[in-house]
Protein backbone atom coordinates (compact mmCIF):
# COMPACT_ATOMS: atom_id res chain seq x y z
CA UNK A 1 8.81 -8.59 27.71
CA UNK A 2 6.77 -7.96 25.07
CA UNK A 3 2.99 -9.90 24.64
CA UNK A 4 2.53 -11.70 21.30
CA UNK A 5 -0.68 -11.54 19.58
CA UNK A 6 -1.66 -13.92 17.87
CA UNK A 7 -3.33 -12.68 14.37
CA UNK A 8 -5.76 -15.94 14.43
CA UNK A 9 -7.46 -15.06 18.62
CA UNK A 10 -10.72 -14.97 18.03
CA UNK A 11 -12.51 -11.19 18.58
CA UNK A 12 -15.45 -10.94 21.10
CA UNK A 13 -18.53 -9.41 20.62
CA UNK A 14 -18.37 -5.70 21.32
CA UNK A 15 -14.25 -5.83 19.45
CA UNK A 16 -15.63 -7.90 16.35
CA UNK A 17 -18.30 -4.12 16.17
CA UNK A 18 -15.43 -2.03 16.71
CA UNK A 19 -13.86 -3.32 14.42
CA UNK A 20 -16.33 -3.80 11.72
CA UNK A 21 -16.90 0.48 12.45
CA UNK A 22 -13.57 1.03 11.81
CA UNK A 23 -13.06 -1.12 8.28
CA UNK A 24 -15.97 1.31 7.84
CA UNK A 25 -14.45 4.78 8.73
CA UNK A 26 -10.62 3.71 7.47
CA UNK A 27 -12.15 2.84 4.28
CA UNK A 28 -13.86 6.53 4.00
CA UNK A 29 -10.52 7.97 4.68
CA UNK A 30 -8.63 5.37 2.65
CA UNK A 31 -10.45 6.27 -0.16
CA UNK A 32 -10.71 9.85 -0.11
CA UNK A 33 -6.86 10.11 0.34
CA UNK A 34 -6.24 7.72 -2.72
CA UNK A 35 -8.36 10.40 -5.09
CA UNK A 36 -5.05 13.15 -3.86
CA UNK A 37 -2.42 11.24 -6.14
CA UNK A 38 1.41 13.22 -6.30
CA UNK A 39 3.76 12.34 -8.95
CA UNK A 40 7.75 11.88 -8.38
CA UNK A 41 9.77 13.75 -10.46
CA UNK A 42 12.14 11.78 -12.77
CA UNK A 43 9.24 8.63 -12.28
CA UNK A 44 6.59 7.59 -15.30
CA UNK A 45 4.25 9.94 -15.71
CA UNK A 46 1.49 7.26 -14.89
CA UNK A 47 3.24 6.30 -11.30
CA UNK A 48 2.06 8.35 -9.17
CA UNK A 49 1.67 8.49 -5.01
CA UNK A 50 -0.75 8.55 -2.86
CA UNK A 51 -1.65 8.31 0.88
CA UNK A 52 -4.81 5.46 1.68
CA UNK A 53 -1.87 2.90 2.59
CA UNK A 54 -1.41 4.86 6.11
CA UNK A 55 -5.23 4.34 7.22
CA UNK A 56 -4.96 0.62 6.03
CA UNK A 57 -1.56 0.20 8.08
CA UNK A 58 -2.77 1.63 11.19
CA UNK A 59 -6.05 -1.11 10.72
CA UNK A 60 -3.81 -4.38 9.81
CA UNK A 61 -1.67 -2.72 13.34
CA UNK A 62 -4.85 -2.92 15.70
CA UNK A 63 -6.27 -5.65 14.35
CA UNK A 64 -4.56 -7.89 12.10
CA UNK A 65 -4.24 -8.59 8.06
CA UNK A 66 -7.39 -9.50 7.17
CA UNK A 67 -9.24 -6.44 8.31
CA UNK A 68 -6.52 -4.17 6.33
CA UNK A 69 -7.09 -6.29 3.81
CA UNK A 70 -10.64 -5.59 3.45
CA UNK A 71 -9.83 -1.42 3.63
CA UNK A 72 -7.71 -2.22 0.83
CA UNK A 73 -10.85 -3.92 -1.04
CA UNK A 74 -13.65 -1.29 0.07
CA UNK A 75 -11.29 1.91 -1.26
CA UNK A 76 -10.04 -0.14 -4.97
CA UNK A 77 -13.47 -0.73 -5.47
CA UNK A 78 -14.99 2.54 -4.85
CA UNK A 79 -12.64 3.89 -7.24
CA UNK A 80 -13.06 0.96 -9.51
CA UNK A 81 -16.29 2.85 -10.62
CA UNK A 82 -14.06 6.55 -11.98
CA UNK A 83 -11.34 4.40 -13.21
CA UNK A 84 -8.93 5.62 -15.65
CA UNK A 85 -6.69 2.46 -16.28
CA UNK A 86 -9.66 -0.31 -16.97
CA UNK A 87 -9.22 -1.08 -13.11
CA UNK A 88 -5.78 -2.88 -14.14
CA UNK A 89 -4.61 0.46 -11.60
CA UNK A 90 -6.69 -0.49 -8.75
CA UNK A 91 -6.44 -4.21 -8.62
CA UNK A 92 -2.09 -3.21 -9.16
CA UNK A 93 -2.58 -0.45 -6.03
CA UNK A 94 -4.70 -3.71 -4.07
CA UNK A 95 -2.18 -6.40 -4.70
CA UNK A 96 0.62 -4.15 -3.49
CA UNK A 97 -1.10 -2.45 -0.21
CA UNK A 98 -2.12 -6.18 1.04
CA UNK A 99 0.98 -7.18 0.52
CA UNK A 100 2.21 -4.44 2.49
CA UNK A 101 -0.30 -4.24 4.78
CA UNK A 102 -0.17 -8.55 5.39
CA UNK A 103 3.18 -8.00 5.77
CA UNK A 104 3.78 -4.99 8.10
CA UNK A 105 0.89 -5.63 10.04
CA UNK A 106 2.01 -9.36 11.42
CA UNK A 107 4.97 -8.17 12.51
CA UNK A 108 4.12 -5.79 14.22
CA UNK A 109 1.53 -7.91 16.03
CA UNK A 110 4.96 -10.14 17.11
CA UNK A 111 6.55 -7.01 18.40
CA UNK A 112 3.88 -4.35 19.23
CA UNK A 113 6.25 -1.52 19.83
CA UNK A 114 8.50 1.27 18.84
CA UNK A 115 10.65 -0.85 17.73
CA UNK A 116 8.17 -3.16 16.10
CA UNK A 117 6.63 -0.78 13.81
CA UNK A 118 10.20 0.23 12.45
CA UNK A 119 10.89 -2.63 10.94
CA UNK A 120 6.70 -3.74 10.03
CA UNK A 121 7.00 -1.10 7.89
CA UNK A 122 10.25 -0.96 6.84
CA UNK A 123 9.75 -4.80 5.64
CA UNK A 124 6.65 -3.92 3.94
CA UNK A 125 8.62 -1.11 2.26
CA UNK A 126 10.88 -4.04 0.94
CA UNK A 127 7.99 -6.17 0.26
CA UNK A 128 6.21 -3.34 -2.25
CA UNK A 129 9.72 -2.40 -3.74
CA UNK A 130 9.90 -5.61 -5.68
CA UNK A 131 5.22 -6.92 -5.51
CA UNK A 132 5.19 -3.56 -7.41
CA UNK A 133 7.90 -4.34 -10.10
CA UNK A 134 6.09 -7.74 -10.71
CA UNK A 135 2.65 -5.88 -11.11
CA UNK A 136 3.81 -3.10 -13.50
CA UNK A 137 5.93 -5.79 -15.50
CA UNK A 138 2.89 -8.38 -16.03
CA UNK A 139 0.03 -6.44 -14.93
CA UNK A 140 0.05 -2.70 -16.04
CA UNK A 141 2.56 -2.45 -18.99
CA UNK A 142 1.08 -5.60 -20.30
CA UNK A 143 -2.60 -3.79 -20.06
CA UNK A 144 -1.54 -0.44 -21.05
CA UNK A 145 0.42 -1.90 -24.58
CA UNK A 146 -2.89 -3.20 -25.68
CA UNK A 147 -3.99 0.62 -25.89
CA UNK A 148 -0.78 2.53 -26.56
CA UNK A 149 2.30 0.25 -28.29
CA UNK A 150 4.68 -0.66 -25.61
CA UNK A 151 7.77 2.09 -27.41
CA UNK A 152 5.32 5.15 -26.95
CA UNK A 153 5.17 4.05 -23.06
CA UNK A 154 8.68 3.73 -23.02
CA UNK A 155 9.36 6.56 -24.94
CA UNK A 156 7.58 8.49 -22.70
CA UNK A 157 8.89 7.56 -19.74
CA UNK A 158 12.98 8.13 -20.77
CA UNK A 159 11.07 11.41 -21.54
CA UNK A 160 11.40 12.22 -17.91
CA UNK A 161 14.15 9.85 -17.15
CA UNK A 162 16.72 8.81 -19.79
CA UNK A 163 18.19 5.85 -18.15
CA UNK A 164 14.63 4.26 -18.90
CA UNK A 165 15.17 2.94 -22.40
CA UNK A 166 13.72 -0.94 -22.25
CA UNK A 167 11.03 -2.80 -20.54
CA UNK A 168 13.11 -3.95 -17.95
CA UNK A 169 15.10 -0.89 -17.40
CA UNK A 170 11.76 0.56 -16.46
CA UNK A 171 11.20 -1.96 -14.09
CA UNK A 172 14.87 -1.53 -12.65
CA UNK A 173 14.68 2.76 -13.07
CA UNK A 174 10.55 3.41 -13.22
CA UNK A 175 9.26 1.02 -11.28
CA UNK A 176 11.11 -0.11 -8.59
CA UNK A 177 12.62 2.96 -7.17
CA UNK A 178 8.82 4.22 -7.17
CA UNK A 179 7.91 1.25 -5.24
CA UNK A 180 10.39 1.73 -2.58
CA UNK A 181 9.46 6.00 -2.43
CA UNK A 182 6.22 5.44 -1.91
CA UNK A 183 6.65 2.87 1.06
CA UNK A 184 9.07 4.68 2.91
CA UNK A 185 6.88 7.94 2.52
CA UNK A 186 4.23 5.95 3.94
CA UNK A 187 6.48 4.43 6.53
CA UNK A 188 6.81 7.43 7.56
CA UNK A 189 3.85 9.00 7.87
CA UNK A 190 2.55 5.95 9.17
CA UNK A 191 5.52 5.70 12.02
CA UNK A 192 4.42 9.70 12.72
CA UNK A 193 0.97 8.33 13.63
CA UNK A 194 1.52 5.78 15.64
CA UNK A 195 3.69 7.67 17.53
CA UNK A 196 0.51 9.93 18.07
CA UNK A 197 -2.18 7.19 18.17
CA UNK A 198 -0.29 4.03 20.07
CA UNK A 199 -1.91 3.86 22.69
CA UNK A 200 -5.18 3.89 21.19
CA UNK A 201 -3.90 1.37 18.77
CA UNK A 202 -2.58 -1.06 21.61
CA UNK A 203 -6.22 -0.71 23.35
CA UNK A 204 -7.66 -2.26 20.19
CA UNK A 205 -5.21 -4.67 19.31
CA UNK A 206 -7.10 -8.04 19.22
């Protein structure tokens, strides 16, 4: 029989201290991982994958969506200090990873098992495919178009992916597959890490 853990269950004092400590530790790890970016072939050059979402998902599994959101906000706030996108990229990342961690942590905490992890991260990957596409269409591209003409942006994307010849094509063949690939990469790495940390994660669940 699988125990259902309420995300609203009050934290004991000791558990709260552990949670706050781990928020700081995981935020530091996530901040470092965000500096390591990897391009994906045939994707627009300004879309790059980093692994900072993995600690955030693990935090969500242990303590629920709010601590995972705290880690995301701290990590992106630190990166805003050296932002090259006027903080828009960090805001978009915040929206994407918050949506991923909220969906994944809520689903996992209803079924804290290996099967529950698989279901939760795949649902999270599907979520950020949609959320990431919307963030690009309504946040990233409109911002960049004020600095660089939209036609120039589309041309730059078209140079690496000939199917991108318009804004809608960019969303369909650029942003959407990029965020799906990113979600799947984070999902696989989280699953591998979960296999090593499942006992620790369950012992910290509140």
